[in-house]
Amino acid sequence: MLIKILLLIAIVFVILALLRAYKRSLTQPHASADPQPVENMVKCAHCGVNLPRSEAIYSAGELYCSAEHQQLGKR
């Protein structure tokens, strides 16, 4: 009988600890809530579409959105 009571008390403490941890996680901001750094946008020399500089293809002093537009050249 005493073992059952001790086991019940232990289970209650574990549940309370889990609830406290869950409550704390709700009040803390998530890591993904940080704003992402803004990236410069550039215009494709062929079609004029805007795209992030990191995705652009640089060729002959111009920026292009795809290899096909790079081959077609500037309009």
PDB file of N, CA and C in Angstrom:
ATOM      1  N   MET A   1       0.822  -1.193   0.000  1.00  0.00           N
ATOM      2  CA  MET A   1       0.000   0.000   0.000  1.00  0.00           C
ATOM      3  C   MET A   1       0.867   1.259   0.000  1.00  0.00           C
ATOM      4  N   LEU A   2       1.927   1.244   0.824  1.00  0.00           N
ATOM      5  CA  LEU A   2       2.819   2.399   0.908  1.00  0.00           C
ATOM      6  C   LEU A   2       3.548   2.624  -0.419  1.00  0.00           C
ATOM      7  N   ILE A   3       3.909   1.537  -1.089  1.00  0.00           N
ATOM      8  CA  ILE A   3       4.605   1.640  -2.382  1.00  0.00           C
ATOM      9  C   ILE A   3       3.684   2.286  -3.422  1.00  0.00           C
ATOM     10  N   LYS A   4       2.410   1.955  -3.406  1.00  0.00           N
ATOM     11  CA  LYS A   4       1.449   2.540  -4.347  1.00  0.00           C
ATOM     12  C   LYS A   4       1.313   4.040  -4.108  1.00  0.00           C
ATOM     13  N   ILE A   5       1.280   4.449  -2.872  1.00  0.00           N
ATOM     14  CA  ILE A   5       1.171   5.885  -2.551  1.00  0.00           C
ATOM     15  C   ILE A   5       2.431   6.622  -3.010  1.00  0.00           C
ATOM     16  N   LEU A   6       3.604   6.065  -2.735  1.00  0.00           N
ATOM     17  CA  LEU A   6       4.855   6.685  -3.174  1.00  0.00           C
ATOM     18  C   LEU A   6       4.937   6.766  -4.701  1.00  0.00           C
ATOM     19  N   LEU A   7       4.496   5.721  -5.370  1.00  0.00           N
ATOM     20  CA  LEU A   7       4.484   5.712  -6.827  1.00  0.00           C
ATOM     21  C   LEU A   7       3.535   6.778  -7.363  1.00  0.00           C
ATOM     22  N   LEU A   8       2.383   6.937  -6.768  1.00  0.00           N
ATOM     23  CA  LEU A   8       1.415   7.952  -7.171  1.00  0.00           C
ATOM     24  C   LEU A   8       1.995   9.360  -6.974  1.00  0.00           C
ATOM     25  N   ILE A   9       2.661   9.574  -5.845  1.00  0.00           N
ATOM     26  CA  ILE A   9       3.289  10.878  -5.578  1.00  0.00           C
ATOM     27  C   ILE A   9       4.381  11.154  -6.622  1.00  0.00           C
ATOM     28  N   ALA A  10       5.172  10.163  -6.968  1.00  0.00           N
ATOM     29  CA  ALA A  10       6.230  10.325  -7.971  1.00  0.00           C
ATOM     30  C   ALA A  10       5.633  10.672  -9.337  1.00  0.00           C
ATOM     31  N   ILE A  11       4.550  10.010  -9.692  1.00  0.00           N
ATOM     32  CA  ILE A  11       3.889  10.289 -10.976  1.00  0.00           C
ATOM     33  C   ILE A  11       3.360  11.714 -11.001  1.00  0.00           C
ATOM     34  N   VAL A  12       2.764  12.169  -9.899  1.00  0.00           N
ATOM     35  CA  VAL A  12       2.254  13.537  -9.822  1.00  0.00           C
ATOM     36  C   VAL A  12       3.400  14.539  -9.987  1.00  0.00           C
ATOM     37  N   PHE A  13       4.547  14.305  -9.354  1.00  0.00           N
ATOM     38  CA  PHE A  13       5.697  15.208  -9.496  1.00  0.00           C
ATOM     39  C   PHE A  13       6.202  15.248 -10.931  1.00  0.00           C
ATOM     40  N   VAL A  14       6.238  14.109 -11.599  1.00  0.00           N
ATOM     41  CA  VAL A  14       6.692  14.063 -12.993  1.00  0.00           C
ATOM     42  C   VAL A  14       5.729  14.852 -13.884  1.00  0.00           C
ATOM     43  N   ILE A  15       4.444  14.678 -13.672  1.00  0.00           N
ATOM     44  CA  ILE A  15       3.451  15.407 -14.468  1.00  0.00           C
ATOM     45  C   ILE A  15       3.567  16.905 -14.237  1.00  0.00           C
ATOM     46  N   LEU A  16       3.728  17.324 -12.983  1.00  0.00           N
ATOM     47  CA  LEU A  16       3.889  18.749 -12.689  1.00  0.00           C
ATOM     48  C   LEU A  16       5.150  19.316 -13.333  1.00  0.00           C
ATOM     49  N   ALA A  17       6.238  18.577 -13.312  1.00  0.00           N
ATOM     50  CA  ALA A  17       7.480  19.034 -13.937  1.00  0.00           C
ATOM     51  C   ALA A  17       7.307  19.185 -15.447  1.00  0.00           C
ATOM     52  N   LEU A  18       6.617  18.249 -16.069  1.00  0.00           N
ATOM     53  CA  LEU A  18       6.366  18.344 -17.506  1.00  0.00           C
ATOM     54  C   LEU A  18       5.478  19.542 -17.841  1.00  0.00           C
ATOM     55  N   LEU A  19       4.466  19.779 -17.021  1.00  0.00           N
ATOM     56  CA  LEU A  19       3.595  20.931 -17.258  1.00  0.00           C
ATOM     57  C   LEU A  19       4.346  22.254 -17.112  1.00  0.00           C
ATOM     58  N   ARG A  20       5.219  22.352 -16.117  1.00  0.00           N
ATOM     59  CA  ARG A  20       6.020  23.578 -15.940  1.00  0.00           C
ATOM     60  C   ARG A  20       6.947  23.801 -17.131  1.00  0.00           C
ATOM     61  N   ALA A  21       7.578  22.745 -17.609  1.00  0.00           N
ATOM     62  CA  ALA A  21       8.476  22.865 -18.760  1.00  0.00           C
ATOM     63  C   ALA A  21       7.694  23.292 -20.002  1.00  0.00           C
ATOM     64  N   TYR A  22       6.507  22.750 -20.176  1.00  0.00           N
ATOM     65  CA  TYR A  22       5.670  23.119 -21.320  1.00  0.00           C
ATOM     66  C   TYR A  22       5.253  24.584 -21.228  1.00  0.00           C
ATOM     67  N   LYS A  23       4.869  25.044 -20.042  1.00  0.00           N
ATOM     68  CA  LYS A  23       4.490  26.443 -19.842  1.00  0.00           C
ATOM     69  C   LYS A  23       5.650  27.372 -20.175  1.00  0.00           C
ATOM     70  N   ARG A  24       6.865  27.013 -19.737  1.00  0.00           N
ATOM     71  CA  ARG A  24       8.053  27.832 -20.019  1.00  0.00           C
ATOM     72  C   ARG A  24       8.335  27.883 -21.511  1.00  0.00           C
ATOM     73  N   SER A  25       8.119  26.796 -22.196  1.00  0.00           N
ATOM     74  CA  SER A  25       8.393  26.773 -23.638  1.00  0.00           C
ATOM     75  C   SER A  25       7.413  27.651 -24.408  1.00  0.00           C
ATOM     76  N   LEU A  26       6.210  27.831 -23.871  1.00  0.00           N
ATOM     77  CA  LEU A  26       5.232  28.691 -24.534  1.00  0.00           C
ATOM     78  C   LEU A  26       5.588  30.168 -24.399  1.00  0.00           C
ATOM     79  N   THR A  27       6.218  30.555 -23.291  1.00  0.00           N
ATOM     80  CA  THR A  27       6.522  31.963 -23.068  1.00  0.00           C
ATOM     81  C   THR A  27       7.831  32.382 -23.717  1.00  0.00           C
ATOM     82  N   GLN A  28       8.717  31.445 -24.036  1.00  0.00           N
ATOM     83  CA  GLN A  28       9.992  31.787 -24.660  1.00  0.00           C
ATOM     84  C   GLN A  28       9.815  31.893 -26.171  1.00  0.00           C
ATOM     85  N   PRO A  29      10.423  32.912 -26.797  1.00  0.00           N
ATOM     86  CA  PRO A  29      10.325  33.026 -28.260  1.00  0.00           C
ATOM     87  C   PRO A  29      11.097  31.901 -28.933  1.00  0.00           C
ATOM     88  N   HIS A  30      10.600  31.450 -30.048  1.00  0.00           N
ATOM     89  CA  HIS A  30      11.250  30.386 -30.799  1.00  0.00           C
ATOM     90  C   HIS A  30      12.431  30.955 -31.570  1.00  0.00           C
ATOM     91  N   ALA A  31      13.401  30.120 -31.870  1.00  0.00           N
ATOM     92  CA  ALA A  31      14.588  30.550 -32.611  1.00  0.00           C
ATOM     93  C   ALA A  31      14.215  31.023 -34.013  1.00  0.00           C
ATOM     94  N   SER A  32      13.155  30.457 -34.599  1.00  0.00           N
ATOM     95  CA  SER A  32      12.749  30.846 -35.946  1.00  0.00           C
ATOM     96  C   SER A  32      12.056  32.212 -35.963  1.00  0.00           C
ATOM     97  N   ALA A  33      11.754  32.763 -34.796  1.00  0.00           N
ATOM     98  CA  ALA A  33      11.105  34.069 -34.736  1.00  0.00           C
ATOM     99  C   ALA A  33      12.078  35.199 -35.050  1.00  0.00           C
ATOM    100  N   ASP A  34      13.387  34.902 -35.066  1.00  0.00           N
ATOM    101  CA  ASP A  34      14.369  35.916 -35.406  1.00  0.00           C
ATOM    102  C   ASP A  34      14.212  36.304 -36.871  1.00  0.00           C
ATOM    103  N   PRO A  35      14.261  37.599 -37.165  1.00  0.00           N
ATOM    104  CA  PRO A  35      14.113  38.001 -38.567  1.00  0.00           C
ATOM    105  C   PRO A  35      15.312  37.537 -39.400  1.00  0.00           C
ATOM    106  N   GLN A  36      15.016  37.085 -40.585  1.00  0.00           N
ATOM    107  CA  GLN A  36      16.061  36.637 -41.499  1.00  0.00           C
ATOM    108  C   GLN A  36      16.745  37.854 -42.115  1.00  0.00           C
ATOM    109  N   PRO A  37      18.043  37.767 -42.397  1.00  0.00           N
ATOM    110  CA  PRO A  37      18.717  38.902 -43.027  1.00  0.00           C
ATOM    111  C   PRO A  37      18.126  39.171 -44.406  1.00  0.00           C
ATOM    112  N   VAL A  38      17.996  40.430 -44.734  1.00  0.00           N
ATOM    113  CA  VAL A  38      17.414  40.823 -46.013  1.00  0.00           C
ATOM    114  C   VAL A  38      18.470  40.676 -47.098  1.00  0.00           C
ATOM    115  N   GLU A  39      18.098  40.102 -48.215  1.00  0.00           N
ATOM    116  CA  GLU A  39      19.025  39.902 -49.316  1.00  0.00           C
ATOM    117  C   GLU A  39      18.671  40.859 -50.451  1.00  0.00           C
ATOM    118  N   ASN A  40      19.684  41.381 -51.111  1.00  0.00           N
ATOM    119  CA  ASN A  40      19.459  42.287 -52.233  1.00  0.00           C
ATOM    120  C   ASN A  40      18.807  41.543 -53.391  1.00  0.00           C
ATOM    121  N   MET A  41      17.875  42.232 -54.046  1.00  0.00           N
ATOM    122  CA  MET A  41      17.211  41.680 -55.215  1.00  0.00           C
ATOM    123  C   MET A  41      17.837  42.302 -56.463  1.00  0.00           C
ATOM    124  N   VAL A  42      17.970  41.508 -57.520  1.00  0.00           N
ATOM    125  CA  VAL A  42      18.523  41.988 -58.779  1.00  0.00           C
ATOM    126  C   VAL A  42      17.553  41.647 -59.900  1.00  0.00           C
ATOM    127  N   LYS A  43      17.722  42.301 -61.024  1.00  0.00           N
ATOM    128  CA  LYS A  43      16.825  42.104 -62.163  1.00  0.00           C
ATOM    129  C   LYS A  43      17.555  41.335 -63.253  1.00  0.00           C
ATOM    130  N   CYS A  44      16.872  40.363 -63.828  1.00  0.00           N
ATOM    131  CA  CYS A  44      17.423  39.595 -64.937  1.00  0.00           C
ATOM    132  C   CYS A  44      17.586  40.526 -66.137  1.00  0.00           C
ATOM    133  N   ALA A  45      18.758  40.503 -66.771  1.00  0.00           N
ATOM    134  CA  ALA A  45      19.022  41.373 -67.917  1.00  0.00           C
ATOM    135  C   ALA A  45      18.204  40.970 -69.132  1.00  0.00           C
ATOM    136  N   HIS A  46      17.695  39.745 -69.177  1.00  0.00           N
ATOM    137  CA  HIS A  46      16.925  39.289 -70.338  1.00  0.00           C
ATOM    138  C   HIS A  46      15.419  39.521 -70.166  1.00  0.00           C
ATOM    139  N   CYS A  47      14.841  39.010 -69.079  1.00  0.00           N
ATOM    140  CA  CYS A  47      13.381  39.073 -68.925  1.00  0.00           C
ATOM    141  C   CYS A  47      12.917  40.123 -67.927  1.00  0.00           C
ATOM    142  N   GLY A  48      13.818  40.633 -67.097  1.00  0.00           N
ATOM    143  CA  GLY A  48      13.456  41.673 -66.147  1.00  0.00           C
ATOM    144  C   GLY A  48      12.877  41.171 -64.836  1.00  0.00           C
ATOM    145  N   VAL A  49      12.841  39.850 -64.640  1.00  0.00           N
ATOM    146  CA  VAL A  49      12.285  39.313 -63.395  1.00  0.00           C
ATOM    147  C   VAL A  49      13.251  39.606 -62.247  1.00  0.00           C
ATOM    148  N   ASN A  50      12.707  39.901 -61.064  1.00  0.00           N
ATOM    149  CA  ASN A  50      13.529  40.154 -59.874  1.00  0.00           C
ATOM    150  C   ASN A  50      13.777  38.850 -59.139  1.00  0.00           C
ATOM    151  N   LEU A  51      15.015  38.668 -58.673  1.00  0.00           N
ATOM    152  CA  LEU A  51      15.371  37.465 -57.933  1.00  0.00           C
ATOM    153  C   LEU A  51      16.479  37.807 -56.945  1.00  0.00           C
ATOM    154  N   PRO A  52      16.650  36.990 -55.892  1.00  0.00           N
ATOM    155  CA  PRO A  52      17.729  37.232 -54.924  1.00  0.00           C
ATOM    156  C   PRO A  52      19.093  37.145 -55.602  1.00  0.00           C
ATOM    157  N   ARG A  53      19.999  38.002 -55.177  1.00  0.00           N
ATOM    158  CA  ARG A  53      21.338  38.037 -55.784  1.00  0.00           C
ATOM    159  C   ARG A  53      22.027  36.677 -55.697  1.00  0.00           C
ATOM    160  N   SER A  54      21.801  35.929 -54.624  1.00  0.00           N
ATOM    161  CA  SER A  54      22.474  34.635 -54.461  1.00  0.00           C
ATOM    162  C   SER A  54      22.003  33.603 -55.489  1.00  0.00           C
ATOM    163  N   GLU A  55      20.840  33.794 -56.080  1.00  0.00           N
ATOM    164  CA  GLU A  55      20.318  32.849 -57.074  1.00  0.00           C
ATOM    165  C   GLU A  55      20.605  33.283 -58.504  1.00  0.00           C
ATOM    166  N   ALA A  56      21.105  34.493 -58.684  1.00  0.00           N
ATOM    167  CA  ALA A  56      21.356  35.026 -60.018  1.00  0.00           C
ATOM    168  C   ALA A  56      22.639  34.451 -60.607  1.00  0.00           C
ATOM    169  N   ILE A  57      22.684  34.395 -61.941  1.00  0.00           N
ATOM    170  CA  ILE A  57      23.868  33.946 -62.673  1.00  0.00           C
ATOM    171  C   ILE A  57      24.538  35.183 -63.247  1.00  0.00           C
ATOM    172  N   TYR A  58      25.806  35.372 -62.910  1.00  0.00           N
ATOM    173  CA  TYR A  58      26.556  36.536 -63.367  1.00  0.00           C
ATOM    174  C   TYR A  58      27.364  36.153 -64.597  1.00  0.00           C
ATOM    175  N   SER A  59      27.189  36.924 -65.674  1.00  0.00           N
ATOM    176  CA  SER A  59      27.921  36.645 -66.900  1.00  0.00           C
ATOM    177  C   SER A  59      28.098  37.929 -67.696  1.00  0.00           C
ATOM    178  N   ALA A  60      29.304  38.197 -68.095  1.00  0.00           N
ATOM    179  CA  ALA A  60      29.636  39.353 -68.945  1.00  0.00           C
ATOM    180  C   ALA A  60      29.098  40.654 -68.367  1.00  0.00           C
ATOM    181  N   GLY A  61      29.198  40.810 -67.062  1.00  0.00           N
ATOM    182  CA  GLY A  61      28.774  42.053 -66.422  1.00  0.00           C
ATOM    183  C   GLY A  61      27.274  42.179 -66.220  1.00  0.00           C
ATOM    184  N   GLU A  62      26.514  41.164 -66.538  1.00  0.00           N
ATOM    185  CA  GLU A  62      25.055  41.179 -66.384  1.00  0.00           C
ATOM    186  C   GLU A  62      24.613  40.041 -65.475  1.00  0.00           C
ATOM    187  N   LEU A  63      23.408  40.181 -64.916  1.00  0.00           N
ATOM    188  CA  LEU A  63      22.829  39.149 -64.055  1.00  0.00           C
ATOM    189  C   LEU A  63      21.628  38.532 -64.755  1.00  0.00           C
ATOM    190  N   TYR A  64      21.510  37.199 -64.667  1.00  0.00           N
ATOM    191  CA  TYR A  64      20.428  36.472 -65.327  1.00  0.00           C
ATOM    192  C   TYR A  64      19.745  35.543 -64.331  1.00  0.00           C
ATOM    193  N   CYS A  65      18.474  35.219 -64.625  1.00  0.00           N
ATOM    194  CA  CYS A  65      17.710  34.349 -63.730  1.00  0.00           C
ATOM    195  C   CYS A  65      17.904  32.869 -64.031  1.00  0.00           C
ATOM    196  N   SER A  66      18.383  32.539 -65.240  1.00  0.00           N
ATOM    197  CA  SER A  66      18.578  31.127 -65.591  1.00  0.00           C
ATOM    198  C   SER A  66      19.693  31.013 -66.622  1.00  0.00           C
ATOM    199  N   ALA A  67      20.168  29.784 -66.806  1.00  0.00           N
ATOM    200  CA  ALA A  67      21.220  29.539 -67.791  1.00  0.00           C
ATOM    201  C   ALA A  67      20.701  29.808 -69.198  1.00  0.00           C
ATOM    202  N   GLU A  68      19.432  29.529 -69.429  1.00  0.00           N
ATOM    203  CA  GLU A  68      18.836  29.771 -70.756  1.00  0.00           C
ATOM    204  C   GLU A  68      18.861  31.271 -71.085  1.00  0.00           C
ATOM    205  N   HIS A  69      18.482  32.095 -70.131  1.00  0.00           N
ATOM    206  CA  HIS A  69      18.498  33.534 -70.363  1.00  0.00           C
ATOM    207  C   HIS A  69      19.937  34.049 -70.483  1.00  0.00           C
ATOM    208  N   GLN A  70      20.865  33.407 -69.802  1.00  0.00           N
ATOM    209  CA  GLN A  70      22.272  33.769 -69.925  1.00  0.00           C
ATOM    210  C   GLN A  70      22.741  33.532 -71.361  1.00  0.00           C
ATOM    211  N   GLN A  71      22.334  32.407 -71.971  1.00  0.00           N
ATOM    212  CA  GLN A  71      22.710  32.089 -73.337  1.00  0.00           C
ATOM    213  C   GLN A  71      22.040  33.031 -74.336  1.00  0.00           C
ATOM    214  N   LEU A  72      20.792  33.430 -74.054  1.00  0.00           N
ATOM    215  CA  LEU A  72      20.074  34.338 -74.957  1.00  0.00           C
ATOM    216  C   LEU A  72      20.637  35.756 -74.908  1.00  0.00           C
ATOM    217  N   GLY A  73      21.208  36.123 -73.782  1.00  0.00           N
ATOM    218  CA  GLY A  73      21.835  37.430 -73.654  1.00  0.00           C
ATOM    219  C   GLY A  73      20.861  38.536 -73.278  1.00  0.00           C
ATOM    220  N   LYS A  74      21.397  39.749 -73.238  1.00  0.00           N
ATOM    221  CA  LYS A  74      20.629  40.916 -72.803  1.00  0.00           C
ATOM    222  C   LYS A  74      19.667  41.350 -73.896  1.00  0.00           C
ATOM    223  N   ARG A  75      18.496  41.760 -73.512  1.00  0.00           N
ATOM    224  CA  ARG A  75      17.504  42.313 -74.463  1.00  0.00           C
ATOM    225  C   ARG A  75      17.718  43.773 -74.627  1.00  0.00           C
TER     226      ARG A  75
END
